[in-house]
Amino acid sequence: MYDKKYEEKEYKSPEYRLAKAYVPYQKMCKVYDLKEALCKGTLFPELYMPYEIHDRKKRC
């Protein structure tokens, strides 16, 4: 089937805990137009968090 690189018992140990993710529901309120969304990398303004770029021309 597949190669086992690690022993199965390594991951069944009680000292290993699974990660838990919290993803809140998102209401679809405002959205960017297609050209702006492609430029910013997201359709939703709430998710747009650009890196601060100093001394550079604005790309979008």
PDB file of N, CA and C in Angstrom:
ATOM      1  N   MET A   1       0.816  -1.202   0.000  1.00  0.00           N
ATOM      2  CA  MET A   1       0.000   0.000   0.000  1.00  0.00           C
ATOM      3  C   MET A   1       0.855   1.259   0.000  1.00  0.00           C
ATOM      4  N   TYR A   2       1.415   1.580   1.117  1.00  0.00           N
ATOM      5  CA  TYR A   2       2.258   2.763   1.236  1.00  0.00           C
ATOM      6  C   TYR A   2       3.397   2.458   2.200  1.00  0.00           C
ATOM      7  N   ASP A   3       4.440   3.231   2.108  1.00  0.00           N
ATOM      8  CA  ASP A   3       5.585   3.028   2.992  1.00  0.00           C
ATOM      9  C   ASP A   3       5.312   3.679   4.335  1.00  0.00           C
ATOM     10  N   LYS A   4       5.567   2.939   5.381  1.00  0.00           N
ATOM     11  CA  LYS A   4       5.426   3.502   6.721  1.00  0.00           C
ATOM     12  C   LYS A   4       6.799   3.951   7.180  1.00  0.00           C
ATOM     13  N   LYS A   5       6.989   5.246   7.250  1.00  0.00           N
ATOM     14  CA  LYS A   5       8.276   5.771   7.694  1.00  0.00           C
ATOM     15  C   LYS A   5       8.331   5.869   9.209  1.00  0.00           C
ATOM     16  N   TYR A   6       7.155   5.952   9.844  1.00  0.00           N
ATOM     17  CA  TYR A   6       7.090   6.086  11.283  1.00  0.00           C
ATOM     18  C   TYR A   6       6.228   4.969  11.845  1.00  0.00           C
ATOM     19  N   GLU A   7       6.510   4.605  13.038  1.00  0.00           N
ATOM     20  CA  GLU A   7       5.707   3.597  13.713  1.00  0.00           C
ATOM     21  C   GLU A   7       4.332   4.179  14.024  1.00  0.00           C
ATOM     22  N   GLU A   8       3.298   3.368  13.853  1.00  0.00           N
ATOM     23  CA  GLU A   8       1.947   3.838  14.138  1.00  0.00           C
ATOM     24  C   GLU A   8       1.788   4.202  15.607  1.00  0.00           C
ATOM     25  N   LYS A   9       2.444   3.486  16.482  1.00  0.00           N
ATOM     26  CA  LYS A   9       2.282   3.729  17.917  1.00  0.00           C
ATOM     27  C   LYS A   9       2.787   5.113  18.326  1.00  0.00           C
ATOM     28  N   GLU A  10       3.660   5.723  17.537  1.00  0.00           N
ATOM     29  CA  GLU A  10       4.162   7.060  17.861  1.00  0.00           C
ATOM     30  C   GLU A  10       3.043   8.082  17.916  1.00  0.00           C
ATOM     31  N   TYR A  11       2.059   7.936  17.046  1.00  0.00           N
ATOM     32  CA  TYR A  11       1.003   8.934  16.939  1.00  0.00           C
ATOM     33  C   TYR A  11      -0.247   8.574  17.728  1.00  0.00           C
ATOM     34  N   LYS A  12      -0.291   7.390  18.282  1.00  0.00           N
ATOM     35  CA  LYS A  12      -1.443   6.980  19.080  1.00  0.00           C
ATOM     36  C   LYS A  12      -1.206   7.226  20.568  1.00  0.00           C
ATOM     37  N   SER A  13      -0.103   7.800  20.910  1.00  0.00           N
ATOM     38  CA  SER A  13       0.245   8.060  22.291  1.00  0.00           C
ATOM     39  C   SER A  13      -0.647   9.156  22.865  1.00  0.00           C
ATOM     40  N   PRO A  14      -1.051   9.038  24.124  1.00  0.00           N
ATOM     41  CA  PRO A  14      -1.915  10.072  24.724  1.00  0.00           C
ATOM     42  C   PRO A  14      -1.212  11.418  24.909  1.00  0.00           C
ATOM     43  N   GLU A  15       0.113  11.452  24.820  1.00  0.00           N
ATOM     44  CA  GLU A  15       0.806  12.731  24.985  1.00  0.00           C
ATOM     45  C   GLU A  15       0.687  13.626  23.752  1.00  0.00           C
ATOM     46  N   TYR A  16       0.274  13.066  22.598  1.00  0.00           N
ATOM     47  CA  TYR A  16       0.060  13.864  21.401  1.00  0.00           C
ATOM     48  C   TYR A  16      -1.399  14.286  21.337  1.00  0.00           C
ATOM     49  N   ARG A  17      -1.639  15.576  21.189  1.00  0.00           N
ATOM     50  CA  ARG A  17      -3.005  16.072  21.097  1.00  0.00           C
ATOM     51  C   ARG A  17      -3.245  16.604  19.697  1.00  0.00           C
ATOM     52  N   LEU A  18      -4.433  16.421  19.225  1.00  0.00           N
ATOM     53  CA  LEU A  18      -4.799  16.946  17.921  1.00  0.00           C
ATOM     54  C   LEU A  18      -5.044  18.444  18.017  1.00  0.00           C
ATOM     55  N   ALA A  19      -4.786  19.140  16.950  1.00  0.00           N
ATOM     56  CA  ALA A  19      -5.023  20.581  16.920  1.00  0.00           C
ATOM     57  C   ALA A  19      -6.513  20.840  16.741  1.00  0.00           C
ATOM     58  N   LYS A  20      -6.956  21.956  17.264  1.00  0.00           N
ATOM     59  CA  LYS A  20      -8.344  22.361  17.104  1.00  0.00           C
ATOM     60  C   LYS A  20      -8.361  23.707  16.407  1.00  0.00           C
ATOM     61  N   ALA A  21      -9.189  23.818  15.415  1.00  0.00           N
ATOM     62  CA  ALA A  21      -9.284  25.078  14.671  1.00  0.00           C
ATOM     63  C   ALA A  21     -10.620  25.742  14.963  1.00  0.00           C
ATOM     64  N   TYR A  22     -10.599  27.057  15.017  1.00  0.00           N
ATOM     65  CA  TYR A  22     -11.827  27.815  15.177  1.00  0.00           C
ATOM     66  C   TYR A  22     -11.980  28.679  13.943  1.00  0.00           C
ATOM     67  N   VAL A  23     -13.014  28.453  13.197  1.00  0.00           N
ATOM     68  CA  VAL A  23     -13.272  29.219  11.981  1.00  0.00           C
ATOM     69  C   VAL A  23     -14.658  29.836  12.109  1.00  0.00           C
ATOM     70  N   PRO A  24     -14.719  31.139  12.355  1.00  0.00           N
ATOM     71  CA  PRO A  24     -16.030  31.768  12.519  1.00  0.00           C
ATOM     72  C   PRO A  24     -16.784  31.845  11.196  1.00  0.00           C
ATOM     73  N   TYR A  25     -18.088  31.844  11.296  1.00  0.00           N
ATOM     74  CA  TYR A  25     -18.903  32.008  10.107  1.00  0.00           C
ATOM     75  C   TYR A  25     -18.704  33.401   9.551  1.00  0.00           C
ATOM     76  N   GLN A  26     -18.721  33.515   8.253  1.00  0.00           N
ATOM     77  CA  GLN A  26     -18.528  34.808   7.608  1.00  0.00           C
ATOM     78  C   GLN A  26     -19.791  35.186   6.861  1.00  0.00           C
ATOM     79  N   LYS A  27     -20.273  36.382   7.142  1.00  0.00           N
ATOM     80  CA  LYS A  27     -21.429  36.890   6.426  1.00  0.00           C
ATOM     81  C   LYS A  27     -20.949  37.540   5.143  1.00  0.00           C
ATOM     82  N   MET A  28     -21.620  37.252   4.062  1.00  0.00           N
ATOM     83  CA  MET A  28     -21.227  37.819   2.778  1.00  0.00           C
ATOM     84  C   MET A  28     -21.905  39.166   2.614  1.00  0.00           C
ATOM     85  N   CYS A  29     -21.234  40.206   3.078  1.00  0.00           N
ATOM     86  CA  CYS A  29     -21.792  41.555   3.010  1.00  0.00           C
ATOM     87  C   CYS A  29     -21.272  42.286   1.780  1.00  0.00           C
ATOM     88  N   LYS A  30     -20.029  42.731   1.879  1.00  0.00           N
ATOM     89  CA  LYS A  30     -19.420  43.480   0.775  1.00  0.00           C
ATOM     90  C   LYS A  30     -18.424  42.586   0.052  1.00  0.00           C
ATOM     91  N   VAL A  31     -18.296  42.791  -1.248  1.00  0.00           N
ATOM     92  CA  VAL A  31     -17.284  42.083  -2.027  1.00  0.00           C
ATOM     93  C   VAL A  31     -16.646  43.081  -2.993  1.00  0.00           C
ATOM     94  N   TYR A  32     -15.380  42.821  -3.320  1.00  0.00           N
ATOM     95  CA  TYR A  32     -14.691  43.647  -4.308  1.00  0.00           C
ATOM     96  C   TYR A  32     -15.169  43.274  -5.698  1.00  0.00           C
ATOM     97  N   ASP A  33     -15.025  44.197  -6.644  1.00  0.00           N
ATOM     98  CA  ASP A  33     -15.279  43.842  -8.032  1.00  0.00           C
ATOM     99  C   ASP A  33     -14.136  42.930  -8.487  1.00  0.00           C
ATOM    100  N   LEU A  34     -14.328  42.221  -9.579  1.00  0.00           N
ATOM    101  CA  LEU A  34     -13.392  41.172  -9.996  1.00  0.00           C
ATOM    102  C   LEU A  34     -11.961  41.677 -10.165  1.00  0.00           C
ATOM    103  N   LYS A  35     -11.778  42.820 -10.817  1.00  0.00           N
ATOM    104  CA  LYS A  35     -10.422  43.338 -11.069  1.00  0.00           C
ATOM    105  C   LYS A  35      -9.715  43.672  -9.757  1.00  0.00           C
ATOM    106  N   GLU A  36     -10.424  44.320  -8.844  1.00  0.00           N
ATOM    107  CA  GLU A  36      -9.823  44.682  -7.561  1.00  0.00           C
ATOM    108  C   GLU A  36      -9.563  43.437  -6.707  1.00  0.00           C
ATOM    109  N   ALA A  37     -10.462  42.454  -6.751  1.00  0.00           N
ATOM    110  CA  ALA A  37     -10.281  41.218  -5.990  1.00  0.00           C
ATOM    111  C   ALA A  37      -9.048  40.461  -6.469  1.00  0.00           C
ATOM    112  N   LEU A  38      -8.840  40.399  -7.768  1.00  0.00           N
ATOM    113  CA  LEU A  38      -7.650  39.720  -8.290  1.00  0.00           C
ATOM    114  C   LEU A  38      -6.376  40.451  -7.891  1.00  0.00           C
ATOM    115  N   CYS A  39      -6.438  41.755  -7.862  1.00  0.00           N
ATOM    116  CA  CYS A  39      -5.275  42.554  -7.478  1.00  0.00           C
ATOM    117  C   CYS A  39      -4.945  42.384  -5.987  1.00  0.00           C
ATOM    118  N   LYS A  40      -5.986  42.334  -5.157  1.00  0.00           N
ATOM    119  CA  LYS A  40      -5.784  42.253  -3.709  1.00  0.00           C
ATOM    120  C   LYS A  40      -5.673  40.826  -3.196  1.00  0.00           C
ATOM    121  N   GLY A  41      -6.057  39.844  -4.009  1.00  0.00           N
ATOM    122  CA  GLY A  41      -5.921  38.461  -3.605  1.00  0.00           C
ATOM    123  C   GLY A  41      -7.066  37.923  -2.778  1.00  0.00           C
ATOM    124  N   THR A  42      -8.138  38.674  -2.649  1.00  0.00           N
ATOM    125  CA  THR A  42      -9.307  38.225  -1.908  1.00  0.00           C
ATOM    126  C   THR A  42     -10.546  38.925  -2.428  1.00  0.00           C
ATOM    127  N   LEU A  43     -11.650  38.253  -2.323  1.00  0.00           N
ATOM    128  CA  LEU A  43     -12.926  38.818  -2.743  1.00  0.00           C
ATOM    129  C   LEU A  43     -13.547  39.644  -1.622  1.00  0.00           C
ATOM    130  N   PHE A  44     -13.165  39.345  -0.389  1.00  0.00           N
ATOM    131  CA  PHE A  44     -13.794  39.951   0.776  1.00  0.00           C
ATOM    132  C   PHE A  44     -12.924  41.041   1.404  1.00  0.00           C
ATOM    133  N   PRO A  45     -13.453  42.256   1.540  1.00  0.00           N
ATOM    134  CA  PRO A  45     -12.678  43.339   2.158  1.00  0.00           C
ATOM    135  C   PRO A  45     -12.255  43.030   3.598  1.00  0.00           C
ATOM    136  N   GLU A  46     -13.043  42.242   4.315  1.00  0.00           N
ATOM    137  CA  GLU A  46     -12.702  41.910   5.706  1.00  0.00           C
ATOM    138  C   GLU A  46     -11.432  41.070   5.799  1.00  0.00           C
ATOM    139  N   LEU A  47     -11.095  40.369   4.726  1.00  0.00           N
ATOM    140  CA  LEU A  47      -9.918  39.499   4.736  1.00  0.00           C
ATOM    141  C   LEU A  47      -8.670  40.161   4.161  1.00  0.00           C
ATOM    142  N   TYR A  48      -8.813  41.356   3.640  1.00  0.00           N
ATOM    143  CA  TYR A  48      -7.678  42.033   3.012  1.00  0.00           C
ATOM    144  C   TYR A  48      -6.788  42.642   4.078  1.00  0.00           C
ATOM    145  N   MET A  49      -5.589  42.086   4.230  1.00  0.00           N
ATOM    146  CA  MET A  49      -4.605  42.571   5.206  1.00  0.00           C
ATOM    147  C   MET A  49      -3.255  42.657   4.516  1.00  0.00           C
ATOM    148  N   PRO A  50      -2.992  43.747   3.815  1.00  0.00           N
ATOM    149  CA  PRO A  50      -1.738  43.844   3.057  1.00  0.00           C
ATOM    150  C   PRO A  50      -0.533  44.066   3.972  1.00  0.00           C
ATOM    151  N   TYR A  51       0.607  43.623   3.488  1.00  0.00           N
ATOM    152  CA  TYR A  51       1.861  43.948   4.159  1.00  0.00           C
ATOM    153  C   TYR A  51       2.145  45.420   3.912  1.00  0.00           C
ATOM    154  N   GLU A  52       2.778  46.050   4.870  1.00  0.00           N
ATOM    155  CA  GLU A  52       3.138  47.454   4.679  1.00  0.00           C
ATOM    156  C   GLU A  52       4.385  47.536   3.812  1.00  0.00           C
ATOM    157  N   ILE A  53       4.281  48.238   2.715  1.00  0.00           N
ATOM    158  CA  ILE A  53       5.405  48.424   1.809  1.00  0.00           C
ATOM    159  C   ILE A  53       5.788  49.891   1.857  1.00  0.00           C
ATOM    160  N   HIS A  54       7.007  50.148   2.207  1.00  0.00           N
ATOM    161  CA  HIS A  54       7.474  51.530   2.332  1.00  0.00           C
ATOM    162  C   HIS A  54       8.304  51.913   1.111  1.00  0.00           C
ATOM    163  N   ASP A  55       8.145  53.136   0.678  1.00  0.00           N
ATOM    164  CA  ASP A  55       8.912  53.707  -0.430  1.00  0.00           C
ATOM    165  C   ASP A  55       8.740  52.930  -1.739  1.00  0.00           C
ATOM    166  N   ARG A  56       7.576  52.425  -1.999  1.00  0.00           N
ATOM    167  CA  ARG A  56       7.304  51.761  -3.260  1.00  0.00           C
ATOM    168  C   ARG A  56       6.023  52.336  -3.850  1.00  0.00           C
ATOM    169  N   LYS A  57       5.910  52.218  -5.147  1.00  0.00           N
ATOM    170  CA  LYS A  57       4.712  52.692  -5.812  1.00  0.00           C
ATOM    171  C   LYS A  57       3.560  51.740  -5.527  1.00  0.00           C
ATOM    172  N   LYS A  58       2.387  52.287  -5.479  1.00  0.00           N
ATOM    173  CA  LYS A  58       1.188  51.462  -5.252  1.00  0.00           C
ATOM    174  C   LYS A  58       0.935  50.617  -6.494  1.00  0.00           C
ATOM    175  N   ARG A  59       0.803  49.304  -6.320  1.00  0.00           N
ATOM    176  CA  ARG A  59       0.620  48.406  -7.453  1.00  0.00           C
ATOM    177  C   ARG A  59      -0.833  48.316  -7.903  1.00  0.00           C
ATOM    178  N   CYS A  60      -1.763  48.417  -6.994  1.00  0.00           N
ATOM    179  CA  CYS A  60      -3.169  48.263  -7.353  1.00  0.00           C
ATOM    180  C   CYS A  60      -3.903  49.597  -7.226  1.00  0.00           C
TER     181      CYS A  60
END
